[in-house]
N, C-alpha and C. Protein backbone atom coordinates (compact mmCIF):
# COMPACT_ATOMS: atom_id res chain seq x y z
N MET A 1 81.48 89.93 126.92
CA MET A 1 80.93 91.28 126.19
C MET A 1 82.18 92.35 126.49
N ASN A 2 82.58 93.14 125.19
CA ASN A 2 83.26 93.76 125.90
C ASN A 2 83.33 95.10 126.32
N VAL A 3 83.57 96.05 126.22
CA VAL A 3 83.82 97.22 127.57
C VAL A 3 83.35 98.09 126.55
N LYS A 4 83.15 98.17 124.94
CA LYS A 4 82.44 98.89 124.73
C LYS A 4 80.84 98.23 124.23
N ARG A 5 80.56 97.63 124.26
CA ARG A 5 79.57 97.26 124.24
C ARG A 5 78.50 97.32 126.28
N ILE A 6 79.82 96.98 126.87
CA ILE A 6 78.72 97.72 128.70
C ILE A 6 78.96 98.79 128.80
N SER A 7 80.01 99.76 128.54
CA SER A 7 80.07 101.22 128.88
C SER A 7 78.78 101.80 128.03
N LEU A 8 77.91 101.13 126.45
CA LEU A 8 77.14 101.82 126.30
C LEU A 8 75.54 101.66 126.53
N PHE A 9 75.81 100.53 126.92
CA PHE A 9 74.13 100.17 127.78
C PHE A 9 74.40 100.61 129.32
N ARG A 10 75.93 101.07 129.66
CA ARG A 10 75.11 101.81 131.02
C ARG A 10 74.67 102.95 130.67
N ILE A 11 75.12 103.66 129.63
CA ILE A 11 75.45 105.26 129.33
C ILE A 11 73.83 105.46 129.03
N LEU A 12 73.08 104.31 128.37
CA LEU A 12 71.78 103.94 128.06
C LEU A 12 70.98 104.00 128.78
N ALA A 13 71.15 103.45 129.80
CA ALA A 13 70.55 103.11 131.41
C ALA A 13 70.65 104.29 132.13
N GLY A 14 72.34 105.06 131.97
CA GLY A 14 71.56 106.21 133.00
C GLY A 14 70.67 107.43 132.11
N GLY A 15 71.02 107.59 130.88
CA GLY A 15 70.39 108.55 129.87
C GLY A 15 69.01 108.13 130.55
N PHE A 16 67.85 106.71 130.20
CA PHE A 16 66.66 106.27 131.02
C PHE A 16 66.10 106.84 132.28
N LEU A 17 67.37 107.01 132.88
CA LEU A 17 67.38 107.63 134.69
C LEU A 17 66.91 108.41 134.73
N VAL A 18 67.54 109.72 134.35
CA VAL A 18 67.47 110.75 133.81
C VAL A 18 66.21 111.30 133.70
N TYR A 19 65.85 110.21 132.46
CA TYR A 19 64.57 111.02 131.44
C TYR A 19 63.52 110.89 132.62
N THR A 20 63.70 109.52 133.61
CA THR A 20 62.91 109.24 134.04
C THR A 20 62.45 110.01 135.44
N GLY A 21 63.54 110.67 135.09
CA GLY A 21 63.54 111.19 136.47
C GLY A 21 62.78 112.84 136.46
N ILE A 22 63.52 113.63 135.20
CA ILE A 22 62.20 114.49 134.46
C ILE A 22 61.18 114.30 134.16
N GLN A 23 61.04 113.06 133.94
CA GLN A 23 59.16 113.40 133.82
C GLN A 23 58.72 113.05 134.81
N LEU A 24 58.99 112.68 136.41
CA LEU A 24 58.65 112.29 137.71
C LEU A 24 58.49 113.78 137.71
N ILE A 25 59.41 114.43 137.38
CA ILE A 25 59.08 115.58 138.41
C ILE A 25 58.34 117.02 137.88
N GLN A 26 58.23 116.63 136.33
CA GLN A 26 57.11 117.25 135.54
C GLN A 26 55.62 117.26 136.39
N ASN A 27 55.80 115.32 136.44
CA ASN A 27 54.34 115.07 136.99
C ASN A 27 54.04 115.37 138.39
N VAL A 28 54.92 115.33 138.53
CA VAL A 28 54.53 116.19 140.22
C VAL A 28 54.39 117.41 140.01
N ARG A 29 55.04 118.40 139.03
CA ARG A 29 54.55 119.59 138.94
C ARG A 29 53.08 120.21 138.42
N GLU A 30 52.37 119.07 137.41
CA GLU A 30 51.21 119.14 136.97
C GLU A 30 49.97 118.17 138.05
N TYR A 31 50.20 117.19 138.75
CA TYR A 31 49.50 117.19 139.67
C TYR A 31 49.52 117.64 140.96
N ALA A 32 50.30 117.79 141.38
CA ALA A 32 50.89 117.93 142.39
C ALA A 32 50.45 117.10 143.77
N PRO A 33 50.30 115.84 143.57
CA PRO A 33 50.05 114.26 144.81
C PRO A 33 50.26 114.86 145.66
N SER A 34 49.94 114.13 146.71
CA SER A 34 49.72 114.47 148.05
C SER A 34 51.41 114.00 148.93
N ASN A 35 51.81 113.02 148.04
CA ASN A 35 53.23 112.97 148.67
C ASN A 35 54.59 113.60 148.14
N TYR A 36 54.21 114.54 147.46
CA TYR A 36 54.98 115.23 146.55
C TYR A 36 56.49 115.32 147.14
N MET A 37 56.70 115.68 148.02
CA MET A 37 58.47 115.69 148.41
C MET A 37 59.07 114.32 148.37
N MET A 38 58.03 113.65 148.63
CA MET A 38 58.77 112.24 148.45
C MET A 38 59.03 111.84 147.06
N MET A 39 58.27 112.08 145.90
CA MET A 39 58.21 112.11 144.48
C MET A 39 59.35 112.88 143.77
N TYR A 40 59.37 114.22 144.74
CA TYR A 40 60.78 114.73 144.16
C TYR A 40 62.26 114.35 145.17
N ILE A 41 62.43 113.94 145.94
CA ILE A 41 63.66 113.25 146.50
C ILE A 41 64.05 111.81 145.41
N PHE A 42 63.08 110.95 144.85
CA PHE A 42 63.09 109.66 143.87
C PHE A 42 63.64 110.12 142.49
N ALA A 43 62.97 111.39 142.34
CA ALA A 43 62.86 112.28 140.95
C ALA A 43 64.82 112.79 140.95
N VAL A 44 64.81 113.63 141.98
CA VAL A 44 66.52 113.86 142.12
C VAL A 44 67.17 112.70 142.06
N ALA A 45 67.09 111.96 142.78
CA ALA A 45 68.23 110.41 142.90
C ALA A 45 68.00 109.92 141.69
N PHE A 46 66.98 109.78 141.20
CA PHE A 46 67.13 108.82 139.54
C PHE A 46 68.10 109.62 138.36
N ILE A 47 67.82 110.96 138.48
CA ILE A 47 68.57 111.85 137.62
C ILE A 47 69.90 111.83 138.21
N LEU A 48 70.52 111.72 139.73
CA LEU A 48 71.79 112.07 140.43
C LEU A 48 72.59 110.72 139.56
N ILE A 49 71.75 109.34 139.73
CA ILE A 49 72.33 108.07 139.65
C ILE A 49 72.61 107.80 138.20
N GLY A 50 71.25 108.35 137.16
CA GLY A 50 71.78 108.28 136.06
C GLY A 50 72.88 108.58 135.58
N ALA A 51 72.85 109.84 135.65
CA ALA A 51 74.04 111.32 135.62
C ALA A 51 75.50 110.12 135.38
N PHE A 52 75.61 110.31 137.15
CA PHE A 52 76.38 109.52 137.19
C PHE A 52 77.13 108.16 136.52
N ILE A 53 75.90 106.71 136.29
CA ILE A 53 76.36 105.84 135.67
C ILE A 53 76.62 106.01 134.18
N ALA A 54 76.09 107.45 133.98
CA ALA A 54 76.39 107.65 132.22
C ALA A 54 77.87 108.08 132.49
N LEU A 55 77.42 108.91 132.96
CA LEU A 55 79.49 109.37 133.27
C LEU A 55 80.52 108.78 133.55
N TRP A 56 79.90 107.90 134.58
CA TRP A 56 80.98 106.77 134.40
C TRP A 56 81.26 106.00 132.85
N ALA A 57 80.59 105.39 132.57
CA ALA A 57 80.74 104.41 131.27
C ALA A 57 81.33 105.28 129.59
N VAL A 58 81.02 106.39 129.61
CA VAL A 58 81.50 106.93 129.15
C VAL A 58 83.51 107.19 129.35
N ARG A 59 83.38 107.17 130.72
CA ARG A 59 84.31 107.52 131.12
C ARG A 59 85.38 106.51 131.22
N ALA A 60 84.68 105.02 131.10
CA ALA A 60 85.75 103.77 131.00
C ALA A 60 85.59 104.08 129.35
N MET A 61 85.31 104.15 128.90
CA MET A 61 84.91 103.93 127.23
C MET A 61 86.05 105.17 126.55
N LEU A 62 86.67 105.97 127.16
CA LEU A 62 87.48 107.01 126.86
C LEU A 62 88.63 106.00 127.67
N LYS A 63 88.64 105.93 128.87
CA LYS A 63 89.94 104.73 129.21
C LYS A 63 90.44 104.37 128.40
N GLU A 64 89.74 102.52 127.86
CA GLU A 64 89.80 101.84 126.72
C GLU A 64 90.68 102.67 125.85
N ARG A 65 89.84 103.32 125.29
CA ARG A 65 89.84 104.11 124.57
C ARG A 65 91.31 104.60 124.09
N LYS A 66 92.18 105.42 124.57
CA LYS A 66 93.31 106.09 124.72
C LYS A 66 94.06 104.55 125.88
N GLN A 67 93.95 103.55 126.34
CA GLN A 67 94.50 102.35 126.15
C GLN A 67 95.05 101.60 125.71
N ALA A 68 94.03 101.77 124.20
CA ALA A 68 94.35 100.80 122.91
C ALA A 68 94.79 101.95 122.10
N ALA A 69 95.32 103.15 122.14
CA ALA A 69 95.96 103.78 121.63
C ALA A 69 97.40 103.51 122.03
N GLU A 70 97.43 103.81 123.31
CA GLU A 70 99.21 103.25 123.77
C GLU A 70 99.42 102.31 123.52
N MET A 71 98.59 101.43 123.09
CA MET A 71 99.21 100.35 122.56
C MET A 71 99.45 99.97 121.73
N ALA A 72 98.91 100.94 121.03
CA ALA A 72 99.28 100.47 119.61
C ALA A 72 100.54 101.15 119.39
N THR A 73 100.60 102.23 120.36
CA THR A 73 102.13 103.29 119.98
C THR A 73 102.84 102.73 120.76
N GLU A 74 102.72 102.37 121.70
CA GLU A 74 103.53 101.51 122.31
C GLU A 74 104.14 100.28 121.75
N GLY A 75 103.70 99.12 120.96
CA GLY A 75 104.73 98.09 120.42
C GLY A 75 105.92 99.18 119.35
N VAL A 76 105.14 99.46 118.57
CA VAL A 76 106.32 100.93 118.17
C VAL A 76 107.68 100.56 118.25
N ASP A 77 107.28 101.68 119.69
CA ASP A 77 108.17 102.35 120.62
C ASP A 77 108.79 101.09 121.68
N ASP A 78 107.96 99.77 121.96
CA ASP A 78 109.12 98.65 122.58
C ASP A 78 110.20 98.17 121.31
N GLN A 79 109.84 98.18 120.53
CA GLN A 79 110.91 97.76 119.47
C GLN A 79 111.79 98.51 119.64
N VAL A 80 111.51 99.61 119.01
CA VAL A 80 112.86 100.89 118.81
C VAL A 80 113.98 100.71 120.25
N VAL A 81 113.28 100.75 120.99
CA VAL A 81 114.03 100.78 122.55
C VAL A 81 114.51 98.71 122.64
N GLU A 82 114.08 98.58 123.20
CA GLU A 82 115.29 97.04 122.53
C GLU A 82 115.99 96.82 121.60
N GLU A 83 115.82 97.50 120.28
CA GLU A 83 117.17 96.91 119.16
C GLU A 83 117.74 98.37 119.47
N ALA A 84 118.00 99.37 119.96
CA ALA A 84 118.41 100.21 119.90
C ALA A 84 119.69 100.71 120.76
N PRO A 85 120.84 101.29 120.31
CA PRO A 85 121.96 101.34 120.89
C PRO A 85 121.53 102.75 122.03
N PRO A 86 122.24 103.75 122.47
CA PRO A 86 121.13 104.47 123.85
C PRO A 86 121.76 105.66 122.99
N GLN A 87 122.23 105.96 121.59
CA GLN A 87 122.39 107.72 121.00
C GLN A 87 121.39 107.20 120.39
N ALA A 88 120.51 106.28 119.91
CA ALA A 88 119.35 106.30 118.35
C ALA A 88 118.62 106.37 119.55
N ILE A 89 118.86 105.92 120.88
CA ILE A 89 117.13 106.23 121.56
C ILE A 89 117.03 107.59 121.72
N GLU A 90 118.18 108.24 121.98
CA GLU A 90 117.87 109.63 122.56
C GLU A 90 117.64 110.31 121.56
N GLU A 91 117.95 110.05 119.72
CA GLU A 91 117.66 110.26 118.59
C GLU A 91 115.96 110.98 118.80
N VAL A 92 115.11 109.55 118.39
CA VAL A 92 113.70 108.92 119.66
C VAL A 92 113.77 110.17 120.20
N GLU A 93 114.11 109.96 121.25
CA GLU A 93 113.34 111.01 122.03
C GLU A 93 113.29 112.17 121.43
N LYS A 94 114.15 113.01 121.03
CA LYS A 94 114.41 114.47 120.93
C LYS A 94 113.24 114.94 119.15
N ASP A 95 113.20 113.80 118.71
CA ASP A 95 111.94 113.75 117.01
C ASP A 95 111.22 112.81 117.58
N LEU A 96 110.09 113.52 118.65
CA LEU A 96 108.79 112.58 118.39
C LEU A 96 108.03 112.24 117.51
N SER A 97 108.50 112.92 115.92
CA SER A 97 107.66 113.20 115.26
C SER A 97 107.51 112.03 114.88
N LEU A 98 106.51 111.88 113.73
CA LEU A 98 106.22 110.14 112.78
C LEU A 98 107.49 109.87 112.28
N ALA A 99 107.74 111.35 111.32
CA ALA A 99 108.54 111.14 110.52
C ALA A 99 110.38 110.83 111.20
N GLY A 100 109.87 111.03 112.42
CA GLY A 100 111.89 111.12 113.18
C GLY A 100 111.57 109.88 113.46
N ARG A 101 110.41 109.39 113.99
CA ARG A 101 110.74 107.88 114.41
C ARG A 101 110.39 106.75 113.24
N ALA A 102 110.23 107.43 112.39
CA ALA A 102 110.30 105.91 110.85
C ALA A 102 112.19 106.54 110.56
N ALA A 103 112.27 107.40 111.07
CA ALA A 103 113.79 107.67 109.98
C ALA A 103 114.96 107.05 110.75
N ALA A 104 114.86 107.08 112.80
CA ALA A 104 115.36 106.36 113.10
C ALA A 104 115.68 104.76 113.01
N VAL A 105 113.62 104.13 112.83
CA VAL A 105 113.92 102.87 112.51
C VAL A 105 114.17 102.34 111.45
N GLN A 106 114.82 103.51 110.42
CA GLN A 106 115.23 103.05 109.17
C GLN A 106 116.72 103.07 109.95
N ARG A 107 117.21 103.64 110.21
CA ARG A 107 118.52 104.02 110.43
C ARG A 107 119.00 102.31 111.74
N LEU A 108 118.23 102.29 112.47
CA LEU A 108 118.62 100.68 113.29
C LEU A 108 118.48 99.76 112.65
N ALA A 109 117.55 100.36 111.25
CA ALA A 109 117.75 98.71 110.93
C ALA A 109 119.01 98.95 109.84
N ASN A 110 119.65 99.97 108.79
CA ASN A 110 120.37 100.03 108.32
C ASN A 110 121.82 99.67 109.39
N ALA A 111 121.58 100.23 110.23
CA ALA A 111 123.21 99.71 111.20
C ALA A 111 123.69 98.06 111.52
N GLU A 112 122.16 97.29 111.74
CA GLU A 112 122.40 96.24 111.94
C GLU A 112 122.38 95.21 110.75
N GLY A 113 122.26 95.95 109.21
CA GLY A 113 122.20 94.94 108.34
C GLY A 113 123.76 95.18 107.42
N ASN A 114 124.03 96.81 107.58
CA ASN A 114 124.96 96.75 106.82
C ASN A 114 126.32 97.43 107.27
N GLY A 115 126.13 96.94 109.25
CA GLY A 115 127.36 97.36 109.37
C GLY A 115 127.30 98.39 110.81
N SER A 116 127.90 99.00 111.72
CA SER A 116 127.73 99.06 112.83
C SER A 116 127.15 100.36 112.28
N ASP A 117 126.68 101.41 113.74
CA ASP A 117 125.47 101.94 113.80
C ASP A 117 126.56 103.73 113.31
N ILE A 118 127.81 103.78 113.46
CA ILE A 118 128.57 105.01 113.31
C ILE A 118 128.51 105.33 111.53
N GLU A 119 128.76 103.51 111.19
CA GLU A 119 128.75 103.71 109.37
C GLU A 119 127.46 104.16 109.18
N ALA A 120 126.69 103.75 109.79
CA ALA A 120 124.87 103.75 109.13
C ALA A 120 124.77 105.60 109.17
N GLU A 121 125.17 106.03 110.48
CA GLU A 121 125.06 108.16 109.96
C GLU A 121 125.76 108.66 109.15
N GLU A 122 126.91 108.36 108.76
CA GLU A 122 128.10 108.78 107.99
C GLU A 122 127.63 108.19 106.89
N ARG A 123 126.48 107.65 106.22
CA ARG A 123 125.54 107.11 105.37
C ARG A 123 124.72 108.03 105.28
N ASP A 124 123.81 108.59 106.15
CA ASP A 124 122.50 109.54 106.23
C ASP A 124 122.61 110.90 106.11
N GLN A 125 124.21 111.31 106.81
CA GLN A 125 124.67 112.07 106.64
C GLN A 125 125.10 112.40 105.40
N GLN A 126 125.63 111.95 104.15
CA GLN A 126 125.74 111.76 103.00
C GLN A 126 125.11 111.59 101.98
N GLU A 127 123.99 111.29 102.76
CA GLU A 127 122.76 111.23 101.66
C GLU A 127 122.32 112.71 101.87
N GLU A 128 122.31 113.42 102.39
CA GLU A 128 121.41 114.87 103.26
C GLU A 128 122.04 115.58 102.40
N ALA A 129 123.46 115.30 102.54
CA ALA A 129 124.69 116.19 102.18
C ALA A 129 124.47 116.36 100.56
N GLY A 130 124.15 115.28 99.93
CA GLY A 130 124.34 115.07 98.76
C GLY A 130 125.74 114.57 97.97
N ASP A 131 126.15 114.33 99.18
CA ASP A 131 127.74 113.68 98.75
C ASP A 131 127.63 112.31 98.85
N PHE A 132 127.45 111.50 97.15
CA PHE A 132 127.81 109.95 97.41
C PHE A 132 128.91 109.84 96.54
N ASN A 133 128.79 108.52 97.35
CA ASN A 133 130.47 107.87 96.47
C ASN A 133 130.43 106.91 96.08
N THR A 134 130.12 106.71 94.84
CA THR A 134 129.60 105.56 93.94
C THR A 134 130.51 104.43 93.89
N ALA A 135 131.57 104.22 95.07
CA ALA A 135 132.19 102.91 95.14
C ALA A 135 131.42 102.33 96.12
N ASP A 136 130.89 103.12 96.90
CA ASP A 136 130.09 102.59 98.18
C ASP A 136 128.84 102.04 97.60
N THR A 137 127.88 102.54 96.58
CA THR A 137 126.95 102.77 95.93
C THR A 137 127.14 102.03 94.93
N GLU A 138 125.78 100.77 95.21
CA GLU A 138 125.13 100.02 94.00
C GLU A 138 125.33 100.03 92.83
N VAL A 139 126.01 100.48 91.40
CA VAL A 139 125.25 101.25 90.50
C VAL A 139 124.47 100.09 89.77
N MET A 140 123.67 100.63 88.51
CA MET A 140 122.71 99.59 87.79
C MET A 140 123.81 98.43 86.78
N PRO A 141 124.13 97.45 86.56
CA PRO A 141 124.63 97.13 86.01
C PRO A 141 124.45 97.12 84.13
N ASP A 142 125.56 96.79 84.05
CA ASP A 142 125.58 97.79 82.34
C ASP A 142 125.14 96.31 81.44
N VAL A 143 124.91 97.06 80.34
CA VAL A 143 123.66 96.06 79.60
C VAL A 143 124.67 94.83 79.22
N SER A 144 126.23 95.23 78.98
CA SER A 144 126.77 94.43 78.63
C SER A 144 126.81 92.80 79.43
N GLU A 145 126.91 92.96 80.28
CA GLU A 145 126.65 92.27 81.83
C GLU A 145 125.30 91.65 81.47
N ILE A 146 124.74 91.98 81.60
CA ILE A 146 122.85 91.71 81.49
C ILE A 146 123.44 90.31 80.72
N GLU A 147 123.41 90.83 79.12
CA GLU A 147 123.87 90.05 78.10
C GLU A 147 125.13 89.26 77.79
N GLU A 148 125.65 88.56 78.80
CA GLU A 148 127.22 87.99 79.23
C GLU A 148 126.33 87.28 80.26
N ASP A 149 125.56 87.88 81.24
CA ASP A 149 125.01 86.45 81.70
C ASP A 149 124.37 85.26 81.10
N LYS A 150 122.49 86.36 80.16
CA LYS A 150 122.12 85.36 79.70
C LYS A 150 122.83 84.89 78.60
N ALA A 151 124.08 84.70 78.06
CA ALA A 151 124.32 84.21 77.26
C ALA A 151 124.92 82.56 77.74
N GLU A 152 125.35 82.54 79.35
CA GLU A 152 125.96 81.37 79.84
C GLU A 152 124.78 80.32 80.06
């Protein structure tokens, strides 16, 4: 059984103990038996133990959910850290938003595939400024080139 099912079972069991303790207190008040002190002690014990079990299970579920979320984001962070030069790591640490992380990963991919990290940064800066050099970028081929390729 996974942690979620076990925790859910413990929450139900703790809730049942709390419910039983409350019912026991109500019965003691209603019928006033001769051993009412012993029944109050057991009722309080049921309530405390049930609350402890339920709260412990809720804590375990939240902890497991937090670990799952950390593992999901940790995988992305590990890939960036393992492949990244120190300068790129500092950029990611500065901008921790999702868009910032995605941009940093894209810059790293561009740097690996198209040359050095400095060249990738220069291209990014040119794109942001709107300064495009048509000699560096590939333009759609002319229709005549496509027709020549088809003719061959």
